[in-house]
Amino acid sequence: MRLHRSVTVEKPLDTVFGYLSDFTTTTQCDPGTVKTVRTSGDGGFGTEYLNTSAFAGRDDGQDTPR
């Protein structure tokens, strides 16, 4: 299966790239994301995030220390 989605926005390319590159913005564009926190790095290559998502009303528990 392939899924393709296109979105046209009237913003400069560098603004759009910056927004999409900042994974902490996922709560604004992904309805399944509950919370995303940068845990290390500056947002560039190698940066790590902790993402909490909900599916079918259930939290995936990724923000719970283990």
PDB file of N, CA and C in Angstrom:
ATOM      1  N   MET A   1       0.839  -1.147   0.000  1.00  0.00           N
ATOM      2  CA  MET A   1       0.000   0.000   0.000  1.00  0.00           C
ATOM      3  C   MET A   1       0.897   1.227   0.000  1.00  0.00           C
ATOM      4  N   ARG A   2       0.486   2.233  -0.724  1.00  0.00           N
ATOM      5  CA  ARG A   2       1.169   3.517  -0.719  1.00  0.00           C
ATOM      6  C   ARG A   2       0.160   4.589  -0.348  1.00  0.00           C
ATOM      7  N   LEU A   3       0.636   5.512   0.425  1.00  0.00           N
ATOM      8  CA  LEU A   3      -0.195   6.648   0.818  1.00  0.00           C
ATOM      9  C   LEU A   3       0.548   7.900   0.417  1.00  0.00           C
ATOM     10  N   HIS A   4      -0.133   8.778  -0.243  1.00  0.00           N
ATOM     11  CA  HIS A   4       0.478  10.029  -0.683  1.00  0.00           C
ATOM     12  C   HIS A   4      -0.435  11.171  -0.273  1.00  0.00           C
ATOM     13  N   ARG A   5       0.145  12.162   0.344  1.00  0.00           N
ATOM     14  CA  ARG A   5      -0.633  13.321   0.763  1.00  0.00           C
ATOM     15  C   ARG A   5       0.137  14.574   0.386  1.00  0.00           C
ATOM     16  N   SER A   6      -0.539  15.524  -0.196  1.00  0.00           N
ATOM     17  CA  SER A   6       0.061  16.806  -0.552  1.00  0.00           C
ATOM     18  C   SER A   6      -0.674  17.922   0.151  1.00  0.00           C
ATOM     19  N   VAL A   7       0.083  18.893   0.596  1.00  0.00           N
ATOM     20  CA  VAL A   7      -0.494  20.070   1.239  1.00  0.00           C
ATOM     21  C   VAL A   7       0.190  21.281   0.632  1.00  0.00           C
ATOM     22  N   THR A   8      -0.591  22.238   0.206  1.00  0.00           N
ATOM     23  CA  THR A   8      -0.034  23.466  -0.348  1.00  0.00           C
ATOM     24  C   THR A   8      -0.185  24.572   0.683  1.00  0.00           C
ATOM     25  N   VAL A   9       0.919  25.228   0.998  1.00  0.00           N
ATOM     26  CA  VAL A   9       0.896  26.337   1.941  1.00  0.00           C
ATOM     27  C   VAL A   9       1.578  27.537   1.309  1.00  0.00           C
ATOM     28  N   GLU A  10       1.131  28.700   1.676  1.00  0.00           N
ATOM     29  CA  GLU A  10       1.724  29.923   1.145  1.00  0.00           C
ATOM     30  C   GLU A  10       2.698  30.498   2.160  1.00  0.00           C
ATOM     31  N   LYS A  11       3.783  29.770   2.363  1.00  0.00           N
ATOM     32  CA  LYS A  11       4.851  30.176   3.285  1.00  0.00           C
ATOM     33  C   LYS A  11       6.171  29.946   2.579  1.00  0.00           C
ATOM     34  N   PRO A  12       7.214  30.679   2.966  1.00  0.00           N
ATOM     35  CA  PRO A  12       8.531  30.432   2.385  1.00  0.00           C
ATOM     36  C   PRO A  12       9.023  29.027   2.737  1.00  0.00           C
ATOM     37  N   LEU A  13       9.778  28.427   1.820  1.00  0.00           N
ATOM     38  CA  LEU A  13      10.273  27.071   1.998  1.00  0.00           C
ATOM     39  C   LEU A  13      11.048  26.905   3.296  1.00  0.00           C
ATOM     40  N   ASP A  14      11.903  27.855   3.660  1.00  0.00           N
ATOM     41  CA  ASP A  14      12.697  27.718   4.886  1.00  0.00           C
ATOM     42  C   ASP A  14      11.821  27.735   6.133  1.00  0.00           C
ATOM     43  N   THR A  15      10.709  28.451   6.103  1.00  0.00           N
ATOM     44  CA  THR A  15       9.772  28.469   7.231  1.00  0.00           C
ATOM     45  C   THR A  15       9.093  27.103   7.378  1.00  0.00           C
ATOM     46  N   VAL A  16       8.647  26.546   6.252  1.00  0.00           N
ATOM     47  CA  VAL A  16       7.986  25.245   6.269  1.00  0.00           C
ATOM     48  C   VAL A  16       8.970  24.159   6.693  1.00  0.00           C
ATOM     49  N   PHE A  17      10.181  24.179   6.156  1.00  0.00           N
ATOM     50  CA  PHE A  17      11.179  23.179   6.515  1.00  0.00           C
ATOM     51  C   PHE A  17      11.513  23.263   8.002  1.00  0.00           C
ATOM     52  N   GLY A  18      11.663  24.472   8.516  1.00  0.00           N
ATOM     53  CA  GLY A  18      11.945  24.647   9.942  1.00  0.00           C
ATOM     54  C   GLY A  18      10.832  24.090  10.820  1.00  0.00           C
ATOM     55  N   TYR A  19       9.606  24.338  10.423  1.00  0.00           N
ATOM     56  CA  TYR A  19       8.451  23.833  11.186  1.00  0.00           C
ATOM     57  C   TYR A  19       8.416  22.308  11.185  1.00  0.00           C
ATOM     58  N   LEU A  20       8.571  21.718  10.011  1.00  0.00           N
ATOM     59  CA  LEU A  20       8.507  20.259   9.914  1.00  0.00           C
ATOM     60  C   LEU A  20       9.729  19.576  10.513  1.00  0.00           C
ATOM     61  N   SER A  21      10.849  20.272  10.553  1.00  0.00           N
ATOM     62  CA  SER A  21      12.065  19.704  11.138  1.00  0.00           C
ATOM     63  C   SER A  21      12.032  19.721  12.658  1.00  0.00           C
ATOM     64  N   ASP A  22      11.200  20.571  13.230  1.00  0.00           N
ATOM     65  CA  ASP A  22      11.070  20.658  14.688  1.00  0.00           C
ATOM     66  C   ASP A  22      10.003  19.665  15.126  1.00  0.00           C
ATOM     67  N   PHE A  23      10.440  18.482  15.520  1.00  0.00           N
ATOM     68  CA  PHE A  23       9.518  17.394  15.824  1.00  0.00           C
ATOM     69  C   PHE A  23       8.594  17.717  17.004  1.00  0.00           C
ATOM     70  N   THR A  24       8.926  18.744  17.801  1.00  0.00           N
ATOM     71  CA  THR A  24       8.050  19.105  18.925  1.00  0.00           C
ATOM     72  C   THR A  24       6.738  19.732  18.446  1.00  0.00           C
ATOM     73  N   THR A  25       6.623  20.040  17.167  1.00  0.00           N
ATOM     74  CA  THR A  25       5.374  20.599  16.630  1.00  0.00           C
ATOM     75  C   THR A  25       4.371  19.526  16.227  1.00  0.00           C
ATOM     76  N   THR A  26       4.696  18.262  16.450  1.00  0.00           N
ATOM     77  CA  THR A  26       3.818  17.180  15.988  1.00  0.00           C
ATOM     78  C   THR A  26       2.416  17.229  16.595  1.00  0.00           C
ATOM     79  N   THR A  27       2.274  17.796  17.781  1.00  0.00           N
ATOM     80  CA  THR A  27       0.931  17.887  18.371  1.00  0.00           C
ATOM     81  C   THR A  27       0.025  18.803  17.551  1.00  0.00           C
ATOM     82  N   GLN A  28       0.617  19.690  16.763  1.00  0.00           N
ATOM     83  CA  GLN A  28      -0.167  20.615  15.957  1.00  0.00           C
ATOM     84  C   GLN A  28      -0.625  20.007  14.633  1.00  0.00           C
ATOM     85  N   CYS A  29       0.032  18.935  14.187  1.00  0.00           N
ATOM     86  CA  CYS A  29      -0.314  18.399  12.869  1.00  0.00           C
ATOM     87  C   CYS A  29      -0.612  16.900  12.871  1.00  0.00           C
ATOM     88  N   ASP A  30      -0.398  16.209  13.981  1.00  0.00           N
ATOM     89  CA  ASP A  30      -0.671  14.776  14.062  1.00  0.00           C
ATOM     90  C   ASP A  30      -1.677  14.524  15.176  1.00  0.00           C
ATOM     91  N   PRO A  31      -2.921  14.227  14.829  1.00  0.00           N
ATOM     92  CA  PRO A  31      -3.946  14.071  15.859  1.00  0.00           C
ATOM     93  C   PRO A  31      -3.677  12.947  16.854  1.00  0.00           C
ATOM     94  N   GLY A  32      -2.833  11.993  16.502  1.00  0.00           N
ATOM     95  CA  GLY A  32      -2.523  10.907  17.423  1.00  0.00           C
ATOM     96  C   GLY A  32      -1.443  11.244  18.437  1.00  0.00           C
ATOM     97  N   THR A  33      -0.734  12.345  18.218  1.00  0.00           N
ATOM     98  CA  THR A  33       0.337  12.729  19.134  1.00  0.00           C
ATOM     99  C   THR A  33      -0.233  13.484  20.323  1.00  0.00           C
ATOM    100  N   VAL A  34       0.081  13.016  21.516  1.00  0.00           N
ATOM    101  CA  VAL A  34      -0.352  13.661  22.751  1.00  0.00           C
ATOM    102  C   VAL A  34       0.706  14.666  23.202  1.00  0.00           C
ATOM    103  N   LYS A  35       1.978  14.253  23.091  1.00  0.00           N
ATOM    104  CA  LYS A  35       3.070  15.108  23.558  1.00  0.00           C
ATOM    105  C   LYS A  35       4.368  14.653  22.911  1.00  0.00           C
ATOM    106  N   THR A  36       5.231  15.605  22.542  1.00  0.00           N
ATOM    107  CA  THR A  36       6.574  15.294  22.077  1.00  0.00           C
ATOM    108  C   THR A  36       7.543  16.236  22.771  1.00  0.00           C
ATOM    109  N   VAL A  37       8.565  15.658  23.387  1.00  0.00           N
ATOM    110  CA  VAL A  37       9.551  16.433  24.146  1.00  0.00           C
ATOM    111  C   VAL A  37      10.937  16.111  23.604  1.00  0.00           C
ATOM    112  N   ARG A  38      11.735  17.145  23.346  1.00  0.00           N
ATOM    113  CA  ARG A  38      13.119  16.932  22.947  1.00  0.00           C
ATOM    114  C   ARG A  38      13.898  16.540  24.189  1.00  0.00           C
ATOM    115  N   THR A  39      14.569  15.381  24.155  1.00  0.00           N
ATOM    116  CA  THR A  39      15.304  14.898  25.324  1.00  0.00           C
ATOM    117  C   THR A  39      16.799  15.150  25.221  1.00  0.00           C
ATOM    118  N   SER A  40      17.304  15.311  24.008  1.00  0.00           N
ATOM    119  CA  SER A  40      18.719  15.652  23.837  1.00  0.00           C
ATOM    120  C   SER A  40      18.921  16.214  22.442  1.00  0.00           C
ATOM    121  N   GLY A  41      19.969  17.001  22.299  1.00  0.00           N
ATOM    122  CA  GLY A  41      20.298  17.578  21.011  1.00  0.00           C
ATOM    123  C   GLY A  41      19.711  18.962  20.823  1.00  0.00           C
ATOM    124  N   ASP A  42      20.024  19.518  19.654  1.00  0.00           N
ATOM    125  CA  ASP A  42      19.589  20.885  19.352  1.00  0.00           C
ATOM    126  C   ASP A  42      18.541  20.942  18.247  1.00  0.00           C
ATOM    127  N   GLY A  43      17.992  19.790  17.902  1.00  0.00           N
ATOM    128  CA  GLY A  43      17.005  19.717  16.829  1.00  0.00           C
ATOM    129  C   GLY A  43      17.610  19.244  15.520  1.00  0.00           C
ATOM    130  N   GLY A  44      18.928  19.176  15.452  1.00  0.00           N
ATOM    131  CA  GLY A  44      19.609  18.711  14.246  1.00  0.00           C
ATOM    132  C   GLY A  44      19.776  17.205  14.245  1.00  0.00           C
ATOM    133  N   PHE A  45      20.654  16.737  13.367  1.00  0.00           N
ATOM    134  CA  PHE A  45      20.918  15.314  13.235  1.00  0.00           C
ATOM    135  C   PHE A  45      21.314  14.722  14.585  1.00  0.00           C
ATOM    136  N   GLY A  46      20.729  13.579  14.932  1.00  0.00           N
ATOM    137  CA  GLY A  46      21.043  12.907  16.183  1.00  0.00           C
ATOM    138  C   GLY A  46      20.206  13.340  17.365  1.00  0.00           C
ATOM    139  N   THR A  47      19.351  14.337  17.189  1.00  0.00           N
ATOM    140  CA  THR A  47      18.482  14.788  18.272  1.00  0.00           C
ATOM    141  C   THR A  47      17.509  13.671  18.637  1.00  0.00           C
ATOM    142  N   GLU A  48      17.236  13.530  19.915  1.00  0.00           N
ATOM    143  CA  GLU A  48      16.310  12.495  20.379  1.00  0.00           C
ATOM    144  C   GLU A  48      15.080  13.138  21.002  1.00  0.00           C
ATOM    145  N   TYR A  49      13.949  12.485  20.783  1.00  0.00           N
ATOM    146  CA  TYR A  49      12.659  12.962  21.272  1.00  0.00           C
ATOM    147  C   TYR A  49      11.944  11.844  22.004  1.00  0.00           C
ATOM    148  N   LEU A  50      11.083  12.232  22.920  1.00  0.00           N
ATOM    149  CA  LEU A  50      10.183  11.294  23.588  1.00  0.00           C
ATOM    150  C   LEU A  50       8.780  11.646  23.104  1.00  0.00           C
ATOM    151  N   ASN A  51       8.155  10.711  22.396  1.00  0.00           N
ATOM    152  CA  ASN A  51       6.857  10.946  21.796  1.00  0.00           C
ATOM    153  C   ASN A  51       5.806  10.105  22.501  1.00  0.00           C
ATOM    154  N   THR A  52       4.701  10.737  22.876  1.00  0.00           N
ATOM    155  CA  THR A  52       3.563  10.036  23.457  1.00  0.00           C
ATOM    156  C   THR A  52       2.407  10.159  22.477  1.00  0.00           C
ATOM    157  N   SER A  53       1.866   9.023  22.081  1.00  0.00           N
ATOM    158  CA  SER A  53       0.760   9.000  21.128  1.00  0.00           C
ATOM    159  C   SER A  53      -0.417   8.247  21.727  1.00  0.00           C
ATOM    160  N   ALA A  54      -1.585   8.524  21.202  1.00  0.00           N
ATOM    161  CA  ALA A  54      -2.795   7.815  21.615  1.00  0.00           C
ATOM    162  C   ALA A  54      -3.398   7.162  20.382  1.00  0.00           C
ATOM    163  N   PHE A  55      -3.857   5.951  20.564  1.00  0.00           N
ATOM    164  CA  PHE A  55      -4.510   5.227  19.475  1.00  0.00           C
ATOM    165  C   PHE A  55      -5.743   4.551  20.046  1.00  0.00           C
ATOM    166  N   ALA A  56      -6.858   4.794  19.431  1.00  0.00           N
ATOM    167  CA  ALA A  56      -8.131   4.221  19.876  1.00  0.00           C
ATOM    168  C   ALA A  56      -8.407   4.546  21.342  1.00  0.00           C
ATOM    169  N   GLY A  57      -8.041   5.770  21.737  1.00  0.00           N
ATOM    170  CA  GLY A  57      -8.312   6.221  23.098  1.00  0.00           C
ATOM    171  C   GLY A  57      -7.329   5.747  24.142  1.00  0.00           C
ATOM    172  N   ARG A  58      -6.280   5.032  23.732  1.00  0.00           N
ATOM    173  CA  ARG A  58      -5.300   4.510  24.685  1.00  0.00           C
ATOM    174  C   ARG A  58      -3.965   5.208  24.488  1.00  0.00           C
ATOM    175  N   ASP A  59      -3.358   5.609  25.586  1.00  0.00           N
ATOM    176  CA  ASP A  59      -2.039   6.225  25.595  1.00  0.00           C
ATOM    177  C   ASP A  59      -0.996   5.124  25.420  1.00  0.00           C
ATOM    178  N   ASP A  60       0.026   5.368  24.603  1.00  0.00           N
ATOM    179  CA  ASP A  60       1.043   4.345  24.390  1.00  0.00           C
ATOM    180  C   ASP A  60       2.029   4.222  25.541  1.00  0.00           C
ATOM    181  N   GLY A  61       1.954   5.136  26.522  1.00  0.00           N
ATOM    182  CA  GLY A  61       2.775   5.031  27.718  1.00  0.00           C
ATOM    183  C   GLY A  61       4.236   5.354  27.535  1.00  0.00           C
ATOM    184  N   GLN A  62       4.617   5.925  26.401  1.00  0.00           N
ATOM    185  CA  GLN A  62       6.024   6.199  26.135  1.00  0.00           C
ATOM    186  C   GLN A  62       6.616   7.251  27.061  1.00  0.00           C
ATOM    187  N   ASP A  63       5.774   8.057  27.707  1.00  0.00           N
ATOM    188  CA  ASP A  63       6.316   9.065  28.610  1.00  0.00           C
ATOM    189  C   ASP A  63       6.442   8.543  30.038  1.00  0.00           C
ATOM    190  N   THR A  64       6.161   7.275  30.243  1.00  0.00           N
ATOM    191  CA  THR A  64       6.278   6.670  31.565  1.00  0.00           C
ATOM    192  C   THR A  64       7.682   6.110  31.759  1.00  0.00           C
ATOM    193  N   PRO A  65       8.420   6.552  32.784  1.00  0.00           N
ATOM    194  CA  PRO A  65       9.763   6.009  33.000  1.00  0.00           C
ATOM    195  C   PRO A  65       9.704   4.504  33.202  1.00  0.00           C
ATOM    196  N   ARG A  66      10.697   3.796  32.670  1.00  0.00           N
ATOM    197  CA  ARG A  66      10.743   2.339  32.794  1.00  0.00           C
ATOM    198  C   ARG A  66      12.041   1.909  33.386  1.00  0.00           C
TER     199      ARG A  66
END
